């Protein structure tokens, strides 16, 4: 995908997710804020409908796609393309922040999105950015995304929505896999097994909504959350 088409896709996505500029969802570069339905009614406006679960679940992999491509471009010294993908990923992560109802997680995603945007702009200035610094920013973003998608998976399980639960479980495992890779911390054998089990449980859930499949998938999600915490603790011990 060319850079122009890539940014067009992101712009369209942002418009969809923000209700085409309505006050209900924040704009990507605006300070964190949420309008209430009451304020919208007071202003004579009509609150935008919330984006459907299917749309959010379908977009879950986009930030990771941009991040992986950004690093690939950076490793072959295509800084301009890498910068655009980092900024696109940052915009999408901030949209994730607008979607969550957890204040602490919202702040974490917002911070990760801002870091990615700043990283992209730094690369566009052709400044020398150590790859370790790049990987640290990416690791924080992946872990924030894993927490968000894990939270969405757990909520979907509670509500009996197995299809989106499986999608979010799959994304959580994929993001934690990338977090390990960018952190340079080798996952334990148990952690590797957890990641494999989570992918398998998610795939099974897409075809099998039985109680046993749901039970296995929920257990896999719990194991992912524990491994994510362990990785964050290990990074904290290293001062990263």
C-alpha atoms as a PDB file:
ATOM      1  CA  UNK A   1       0.000   0.000   0.000  1.00  0.00           C
ATOM      2  CA  UNK A   2       1.415   3.389  -0.991  1.00  0.00           C
ATOM      3  CA  UNK A   3       1.832   6.132   1.579  1.00  0.00           C
ATOM      4  CA  UNK A   4      -1.028   8.191   0.116  1.00  0.00           C
ATOM      5  CA  UNK A   5      -3.448   5.280   0.134  1.00  0.00           C
ATOM      6  CA  UNK A   6      -2.280   4.298   3.607  1.00  0.00           C
ATOM      7  CA  UNK A   7      -3.062   7.696   5.048  1.00  0.00           C
ATOM      8  CA  UNK A   8      -6.380   7.826   3.213  1.00  0.00           C
ATOM      9  CA  UNK A   9      -7.331   4.541   4.867  1.00  0.00           C
ATOM     10  CA  UNK A  10      -6.374   5.903   8.280  1.00  0.00           C
ATOM     11  CA  UNK A  11      -8.287   9.125   7.690  1.00  0.00           C
ATOM     12  CA  UNK A  12     -11.418   7.213   6.710  1.00  0.00           C
ATOM     13  CA  UNK A  13     -11.012   4.931   9.721  1.00  0.00           C
ATOM     14  CA  UNK A  14     -10.623   7.911  12.034  1.00  0.00           C
ATOM     15  CA  UNK A  15     -13.757   9.532  10.617  1.00  0.00           C
ATOM     16  CA  UNK A  16     -15.736   6.344  11.131  1.00  0.00           C
ATOM     17  CA  UNK A  17     -14.556   5.829  14.663  1.00  0.00           C
ATOM     18  CA  UNK A  18     -15.063   9.422  15.723  1.00  0.00           C
ATOM     19  CA  UNK A  19     -18.574   9.709  14.321  1.00  0.00           C
ATOM     20  CA  UNK A  20     -17.374  11.944  11.471  1.00  0.00           C
ATOM     21  CA  UNK A  21     -16.415  14.741  13.830  1.00  0.00           C
ATOM     22  CA  UNK A  22     -19.350  14.602  16.227  1.00  0.00           C
ATOM     23  CA  UNK A  23     -18.730  15.530  19.835  1.00  0.00           C
ATOM     24  CA  UNK A  24     -19.183  11.998  21.098  1.00  0.00           C
ATOM     25  CA  UNK A  25     -15.719  10.691  20.215  1.00  0.00           C
ATOM     26  CA  UNK A  26     -12.575  12.749  20.518  1.00  0.00           C
ATOM     27  CA  UNK A  27     -10.532  13.691  17.499  1.00  0.00           C
ATOM     28  CA  UNK A  28      -7.181  11.962  17.290  1.00  0.00           C
ATOM     29  CA  UNK A  29      -5.091  15.030  18.093  1.00  0.00           C
ATOM     30  CA  UNK A  30      -7.473  16.628  20.610  1.00  0.00           C
ATOM     31  CA  UNK A  31      -6.936  16.532  24.376  1.00  0.00           C
ATOM     32  CA  UNK A  32      -8.742  13.620  26.082  1.00  0.00           C
ATOM     33  CA  UNK A  33     -12.391  14.555  26.507  1.00  0.00           C
ATOM     34  CA  UNK A  34     -15.794  12.944  26.158  1.00  0.00           C
ATOM     35  CA  UNK A  35     -19.055  14.721  25.532  1.00  0.00           C
ATOM     36  CA  UNK A  36     -22.162  13.338  27.184  1.00  0.00           C
ATOM     37  CA  UNK A  37     -25.423  12.695  25.451  1.00  0.00           C
ATOM     38  CA  UNK A  38     -26.943  15.377  27.639  1.00  0.00           C
ATOM     39  CA  UNK A  39     -24.540  18.030  26.387  1.00  0.00           C
ATOM     40  CA  UNK A  40     -25.134  16.963  22.800  1.00  0.00           C
ATOM     41  CA  UNK A  41     -28.871  17.278  23.320  1.00  0.00           C
ATOM     42  CA  UNK A  42     -28.401  20.701  24.889  1.00  0.00           C
ATOM     43  CA  UNK A  43     -26.559  21.832  21.784  1.00  0.00           C
ATOM     44  CA  UNK A  44     -29.336  20.513  19.594  1.00  0.00           C
ATOM     45  CA  UNK A  45     -27.151  17.775  18.167  1.00  0.00           C
ATOM     46  CA  UNK A  46     -27.774  14.073  17.854  1.00  0.00           C
ATOM     47  CA  UNK A  47     -25.175  11.790  19.461  1.00  0.00           C
ATOM     48  CA  UNK A  48     -23.490   9.510  16.961  1.00  0.00           C
ATOM     49  CA  UNK A  49     -24.333   5.842  17.227  1.00  0.00           C
ATOM     50  CA  UNK A  50     -21.661   3.811  18.912  1.00  0.00           C
ATOM     51  CA  UNK A  51     -19.468   1.925  16.521  1.00  0.00           C
ATOM     52  CA  UNK A  52     -20.550  -1.699  16.305  1.00  0.00           C
ATOM     53  CA  UNK A  53     -18.590  -4.435  18.038  1.00  0.00           C
ATOM     54  CA  UNK A  54     -17.929  -6.083  14.680  1.00  0.00           C
ATOM     55  CA  UNK A  55     -16.193  -2.935  13.403  1.00  0.00           C
ATOM     56  CA  UNK A  56     -14.006  -2.559  16.492  1.00  0.00           C
ATOM     57  CA  UNK A  57     -13.074  -6.240  16.478  1.00  0.00           C
ATOM     58  CA  UNK A  58     -12.263  -6.048  12.784  1.00  0.00           C
ATOM     59  CA  UNK A  59      -9.938  -3.092  13.362  1.00  0.00           C
ATOM     60  CA  UNK A  60      -8.152  -4.678  16.311  1.00  0.00           C
ATOM     61  CA  UNK A  61      -5.159  -5.867  14.291  1.00  0.00           C
ATOM     62  CA  UNK A  62      -4.532  -2.563  12.474  1.00  0.00           C
ATOM     63  CA  UNK A  63      -2.220  -0.918  15.046  1.00  0.00           C
ATOM     64  CA  UNK A  64      -0.038  -4.029  15.135  1.00  0.00           C
ATOM     65  CA  UNK A  65       0.038  -4.198  11.343  1.00  0.00           C
ATOM     66  CA  UNK A  66       1.332  -0.629  11.133  1.00  0.00           C
ATOM     67  CA  UNK A  67       3.857  -1.174  13.914  1.00  0.00           C
ATOM     68  CA  UNK A  68       5.311  -4.315  12.346  1.00  0.00           C
ATOM     69  CA  UNK A  69       5.561  -2.654   8.948  1.00  0.00           C
ATOM     70  CA  UNK A  70       7.108   0.477  10.467  1.00  0.00           C
ATOM     71  CA  UNK A  71       9.920  -1.513  11.992  1.00  0.00           C
ATOM     72  CA  UNK A  72      10.491  -3.427   8.761  1.00  0.00           C
ATOM     73  CA  UNK A  73      10.807  -0.127   6.889  1.00  0.00           C
ATOM     74  CA  UNK A  74      13.127   1.257   9.537  1.00  0.00           C
ATOM     75  CA  UNK A  75      15.442  -1.764   9.308  1.00  0.00           C
ATOM     76  CA  UNK A  76      15.939  -1.156   5.572  1.00  0.00           C
ATOM     77  CA  UNK A  77      16.474   2.563   6.224  1.00  0.00           C
ATOM     78  CA  UNK A  78      13.185   3.718   4.694  1.00  0.00           C
ATOM     79  CA  UNK A  79      12.635   6.258   7.424  1.00  0.00           C
ATOM     80  CA  UNK A  80       9.868   8.245   5.743  1.00  0.00           C
ATOM     81  CA  UNK A  81       7.693   5.168   5.283  1.00  0.00           C
ATOM     82  CA  UNK A  82       8.491   3.987   8.810  1.00  0.00           C
ATOM     83  CA  UNK A  83       7.564   7.397  10.202  1.00  0.00           C
ATOM     84  CA  UNK A  84       4.185   7.363   8.460  1.00  0.00           C
ATOM     85  CA  UNK A  85       3.375   3.926   9.831  1.00  0.00           C
ATOM     86  CA  UNK A  86       4.424   4.887  13.365  1.00  0.00           C
ATOM     87  CA  UNK A  87       2.179   7.950  13.210  1.00  0.00           C
ATOM     88  CA  UNK A  88      -0.692   5.887  11.795  1.00  0.00           C
ATOM     89  CA  UNK A  89      -0.261   3.346  14.587  1.00  0.00           C
ATOM     90  CA  UNK A  90      -0.213   6.158  17.127  1.00  0.00           C
ATOM     91  CA  UNK A  91      -3.494   7.535  15.783  1.00  0.00           C
ATOM     92  CA  UNK A  92      -5.136   4.126  15.974  1.00  0.00           C
ATOM     93  CA  UNK A  93      -3.872   3.504  19.508  1.00  0.00           C
ATOM     94  CA  UNK A  94      -5.359   6.827  20.588  1.00  0.00           C
ATOM     95  CA  UNK A  95      -8.657   5.802  19.023  1.00  0.00           C
ATOM     96  CA  UNK A  96      -8.455   2.682  21.169  1.00  0.00           C
ATOM     97  CA  UNK A  97      -8.032   5.013  24.144  1.00  0.00           C
ATOM     98  CA  UNK A  98     -11.253   6.770  23.177  1.00  0.00           C
ATOM     99  CA  UNK A  99     -13.028   3.427  23.067  1.00  0.00           C
ATOM    100  CA  UNK A 100     -12.131   2.128  26.535  1.00  0.00           C
ATOM    101  CA  UNK A 101     -14.130   2.960  29.638  1.00  0.00           C
ATOM    102  CA  UNK A 102     -11.229   2.333  32.048  1.00  0.00           C
ATOM    103  CA  UNK A 103      -9.593   5.640  32.992  1.00  0.00           C
ATOM    104  CA  UNK A 104      -6.184   4.151  33.825  1.00  0.00           C
ATOM    105  CA  UNK A 105      -6.084   2.108  30.627  1.00  0.00           C
ATOM    106  CA  UNK A 106      -7.296   5.102  28.639  1.00  0.00           C
ATOM    107  CA  UNK A 107      -4.360   7.138  29.953  1.00  0.00           C
ATOM    108  CA  UNK A 108      -1.943   4.318  29.172  1.00  0.00           C
ATOM    109  CA  UNK A 109      -3.165   3.963  25.593  1.00  0.00           C
ATOM    110  CA  UNK A 110      -3.190   7.718  25.121  1.00  0.00           C
ATOM    111  CA  UNK A 111       0.428   7.926  26.293  1.00  0.00           C
ATOM    112  CA  UNK A 112       1.473   5.052  24.036  1.00  0.00           C
ATOM    113  CA  UNK A 113      -0.217   6.685  21.056  1.00  0.00           C
ATOM    114  CA  UNK A 114       1.506   9.998  21.717  1.00  0.00           C
ATOM    115  CA  UNK A 115       4.876   8.237  22.020  1.00  0.00           C
ATOM    116  CA  UNK A 116       4.363   6.559  18.656  1.00  0.00           C
ATOM    117  CA  UNK A 117       3.382   9.840  17.016  1.00  0.00           C
ATOM    118  CA  UNK A 118       6.448  11.563  18.469  1.00  0.00           C
ATOM    119  CA  UNK A 119       8.634   8.693  17.287  1.00  0.00           C
ATOM    120  CA  UNK A 120       7.278   9.054  13.759  1.00  0.00           C
ATOM    121  CA  UNK A 121       7.877  12.799  13.738  1.00  0.00           C
ATOM    122  CA  UNK A 122      11.389  12.314  15.103  1.00  0.00           C
ATOM    123  CA  UNK A 123      12.202   9.948  12.255  1.00  0.00           C
ATOM    124  CA  UNK A 124      10.828  12.419   9.723  1.00  0.00           C
ATOM    125  CA  UNK A 125      13.329  14.957  11.010  1.00  0.00           C
ATOM    126  CA  UNK A 126      15.993  12.397  10.136  1.00  0.00           C
ATOM    127  CA  UNK A 127      17.295  12.412  13.671  1.00  0.00           C
ATOM    128  CA  UNK A 128      19.256   9.373  14.811  1.00  0.00           C
ATOM    129  CA  UNK A 129      17.013   7.228  16.990  1.00  0.00           C
ATOM    130  CA  UNK A 130      18.639   4.181  18.618  1.00  0.00           C
ATOM    131  CA  UNK A 131      16.805   0.978  17.709  1.00  0.00           C
ATOM    132  CA  UNK A 132      16.565   0.113  21.402  1.00  0.00           C
ATOM    133  CA  UNK A 133      14.599   3.304  21.999  1.00  0.00           C
ATOM    134  CA  UNK A 134      12.301   2.426  19.110  1.00  0.00           C
ATOM    135  CA  UNK A 135      11.756  -1.068  20.496  1.00  0.00           C
ATOM    136  CA  UNK A 136      11.034   0.283  23.971  1.00  0.00           C
ATOM    137  CA  UNK A 137       8.288   2.535  22.585  1.00  0.00           C
ATOM    138  CA  UNK A 138       6.871  -0.350  20.580  1.00  0.00           C
ATOM    139  CA  UNK A 139       6.931  -2.683  23.578  1.00  0.00           C
ATOM    140  CA  UNK A 140       4.923  -0.225  25.666  1.00  0.00           C
ATOM    141  CA  UNK A 141       2.403   0.149  22.850  1.00  0.00           C
ATOM    142  CA  UNK A 142       2.037  -3.601  22.389  1.00  0.00           C
ATOM    143  CA  UNK A 143       1.520  -4.164  26.105  1.00  0.00           C
ATOM    144  CA  UNK A 144      -1.089  -1.400  26.292  1.00  0.00           C
ATOM    145  CA  UNK A 145      -2.910  -2.876  23.301  1.00  0.00           C
ATOM    146  CA  UNK A 146      -2.725  -6.362  24.800  1.00  0.00           C
ATOM    147  CA  UNK A 147      -4.302  -5.066  28.000  1.00  0.00           C
ATOM    148  CA  UNK A 148      -7.050  -3.267  26.080  1.00  0.00           C
ATOM    149  CA  UNK A 149      -7.902  -6.229  23.864  1.00  0.00           C
ATOM    150  CA  UNK A 150      -7.696  -8.590  26.828  1.00  0.00           C
ATOM    151  CA  UNK A 151     -10.165  -6.348  28.638  1.00  0.00           C
ATOM    152  CA  UNK A 152     -12.464  -6.350  25.620  1.00  0.00           C
ATOM    153  CA  UNK A 153     -12.209 -10.145  25.373  1.00  0.00           C
ATOM    154  CA  UNK A 154     -13.133 -10.573  29.031  1.00  0.00           C
ATOM    155  CA  UNK A 155     -16.096  -8.231  28.626  1.00  0.00           C
ATOM    156  CA  UNK A 156     -17.279 -10.096  25.538  1.00  0.00           C
ATOM    157  CA  UNK A 157     -17.046 -13.403  27.401  1.00  0.00           C
ATOM    158  CA  UNK A 158     -19.127 -11.993  30.265  1.00  0.00           C
ATOM    159  CA  UNK A 159     -21.752 -10.766  27.824  1.00  0.00           C
ATOM    160  CA  UNK A 160     -21.888 -14.065  25.948  1.00  0.00           C
ATOM    161  CA  UNK A 161     -20.477 -12.629  22.709  1.00  0.00           C
ATOM    162  CA  UNK A 162     -18.156 -15.442  21.696  1.00  0.00           C
ATOM    163  CA  UNK A 163     -17.232 -14.222  18.194  1.00  0.00           C
ATOM    164  CA  UNK A 164     -15.674 -10.885  19.259  1.00  0.00           C
ATOM    165  CA  UNK A 165     -14.245 -12.577  22.363  1.00  0.00           C
ATOM    166  CA  UNK A 166     -12.303 -14.947  20.126  1.00  0.00           C
ATOM    167  CA  UNK A 167     -11.077 -12.086  17.930  1.00  0.00           C
ATOM    168  CA  UNK A 168      -9.877 -10.066  20.903  1.00  0.00           C
ATOM    169  CA  UNK A 169      -8.218 -13.133  22.413  1.00  0.00           C
ATOM    170  CA  UNK A 170      -6.334 -13.717  19.158  1.00  0.00           C
ATOM    171  CA  UNK A 171      -5.159 -10.092  19.068  1.00  0.00           C
ATOM    172  CA  UNK A 172      -4.093 -10.161  22.714  1.00  0.00           C
ATOM    173  CA  UNK A 173      -1.881 -13.186  22.051  1.00  0.00           C
ATOM    174  CA  UNK A 174      -0.432 -11.601  18.904  1.00  0.00           C
ATOM    175  CA  UNK A 175       0.350  -8.331  20.698  1.00  0.00           C
ATOM    176  CA  UNK A 176       1.973 -10.091  23.632  1.00  0.00           C
ATOM    177  CA  UNK A 177       4.080 -12.103  21.176  1.00  0.00           C
ATOM    178  CA  UNK A 178       5.312  -8.861  19.614  1.00  0.00           C
ATOM    179  CA  UNK A 179       5.902  -7.322  23.034  1.00  0.00           C
ATOM    180  CA  UNK A 180       8.236 -10.183  23.895  1.00  0.00           C
ATOM    181  CA  UNK A 181      10.044  -9.815  20.573  1.00  0.00           C
ATOM    182  CA  UNK A 182      10.612  -6.081  20.916  1.00  0.00           C
ATOM    183  CA  UNK A 183      11.541  -6.280  24.601  1.00  0.00           C
ATOM    184  CA  UNK A 184      14.367  -8.742  23.863  1.00  0.00           C
ATOM    185  CA  UNK A 185      13.130 -10.809  26.791  1.00  0.00           C
ATOM    186  CA  UNK A 186      12.883 -14.453  25.857  1.00  0.00           C
ATOM    187  CA  UNK A 187       9.536 -15.940  26.907  1.00  0.00           C
ATOM    188  CA  UNK A 188       9.727 -18.993  29.134  1.00  0.00           C
ATOM    189  CA  UNK A 189       8.628 -22.347  27.800  1.00  0.00           C
ATOM    190  CA  UNK A 190       5.399 -21.951  29.773  1.00  0.00           C
ATOM    191  CA  UNK A 191       4.818 -18.504  28.232  1.00  0.00           C
ATOM    192  CA  UNK A 192       5.411 -19.843  24.725  1.00  0.00           C
ATOM    193  CA  UNK A 193       2.907 -22.597  25.391  1.00  0.00           C
ATOM    194  CA  UNK A 194       0.418 -20.024  26.667  1.00  0.00           C
ATOM    195  CA  UNK A 195       0.708 -18.040  23.437  1.00  0.00           C
ATOM    196  CA  UNK A 196       0.233 -21.139  21.289  1.00  0.00           C
ATOM    197  CA  UNK A 197      -2.724 -22.280  23.400  1.00  0.00           C
ATOM    198  CA  UNK A 198      -4.357 -18.859  23.147  1.00  0.00           C
ATOM    199  CA  UNK A 199      -4.133 -18.812  19.350  1.00  0.00           C
ATOM    200  CA  UNK A 200      -5.553 -22.320  19.167  1.00  0.00           C
ATOM    201  CA  UNK A 201      -8.354 -21.492  21.611  1.00  0.00           C
ATOM    202  CA  UNK A 202      -9.289 -18.401  19.606  1.00  0.00           C
ATOM    203  CA  UNK A 203      -9.369 -20.316  16.344  1.00  0.00           C
ATOM    204  CA  UNK A 204     -11.469 -23.049  17.913  1.00  0.00           C
ATOM    205  CA  UNK A 205     -13.887 -20.499  19.315  1.00  0.00           C
ATOM    206  CA  UNK A 206     -14.504 -19.102  15.841  1.00  0.00           C
ATOM    207  CA  UNK A 207     -16.043 -22.454  14.839  1.00  0.00           C
ATOM    208  CA  UNK A 208     -17.164 -23.869  18.158  1.00  0.00           C
ATOM    209  CA  UNK A 209     -19.244 -21.883  20.629  1.00  0.00           C
ATOM    210  CA  UNK A 210     -19.623 -24.769  23.050  1.00  0.00           C
ATOM    211  CA  UNK A 211     -19.262 -24.304  26.795  1.00  0.00           C
ATOM    212  CA  UNK A 212     -16.015 -26.266  26.757  1.00  0.00           C
ATOM    213  CA  UNK A 213     -14.518 -24.102  23.995  1.00  0.00           C
ATOM    214  CA  UNK A 214     -15.482 -20.970  25.906  1.00  0.00           C
ATOM    215  CA  UNK A 215     -14.013 -22.384  29.122  1.00  0.00           C
ATOM    216  CA  UNK A 216     -10.703 -23.165  27.392  1.00  0.00           C
ATOM    217  CA  UNK A 217     -10.590 -19.727  25.773  1.00  0.00           C
ATOM    218  CA  UNK A 218     -11.272 -17.924  29.051  1.00  0.00           C
ATOM    219  CA  UNK A 219      -8.516 -19.919  30.733  1.00  0.00           C
ATOM    220  CA  UNK A 220      -6.139 -18.965  27.907  1.00  0.00           C
ATOM    221  CA  UNK A 221      -7.030 -15.299  28.385  1.00  0.00           C
ATOM    222  CA  UNK A 222      -6.290 -15.531  32.106  1.00  0.00           C
ATOM    223  CA  UNK A 223      -2.902 -17.103  31.362  1.00  0.00           C
ATOM    224  CA  UNK A 224      -2.096 -14.338  28.876  1.00  0.00           C
ATOM    225  CA  UNK A 225      -2.889 -11.683  31.463  1.00  0.00           C
ATOM    226  CA  UNK A 226      -0.508 -13.310  33.955  1.00  0.00           C
ATOM    227  CA  UNK A 227       2.285 -13.519  31.376  1.00  0.00           C
ATOM    228  CA  UNK A 228       1.735  -9.904  30.381  1.00  0.00           C
ATOM    229  CA  UNK A 229       2.096  -8.851  34.020  1.00  0.00           C
ATOM    230  CA  UNK A 230       5.261 -10.903  34.368  1.00  0.00           C
ATOM    231  CA  UNK A 231       6.760  -9.286  31.280  1.00  0.00           C
ATOM    232  CA  UNK A 232       5.932  -5.816  32.567  1.00  0.00           C
ATOM    233  CA  UNK A 233       7.518  -6.645  35.906  1.00  0.00           C
ATOM    234  CA  UNK A 234      10.658  -7.877  34.142  1.00  0.00           C
ATOM    235  CA  UNK A 235      10.834  -4.669  32.128  1.00  0.00           C
ATOM    236  CA  UNK A 236      10.362  -2.637  35.281  1.00  0.00           C
ATOM    237  CA  UNK A 237      13.238  -4.479  36.919  1.00  0.00           C
ATOM    238  CA  UNK A 238      15.403  -3.517  33.919  1.00  0.00           C
ATOM    239  CA  UNK A 239      14.329   0.107  34.195  1.00  0.00           C
ATOM    240  CA  UNK A 240      12.375   0.029  30.946  1.00  0.00           C
END
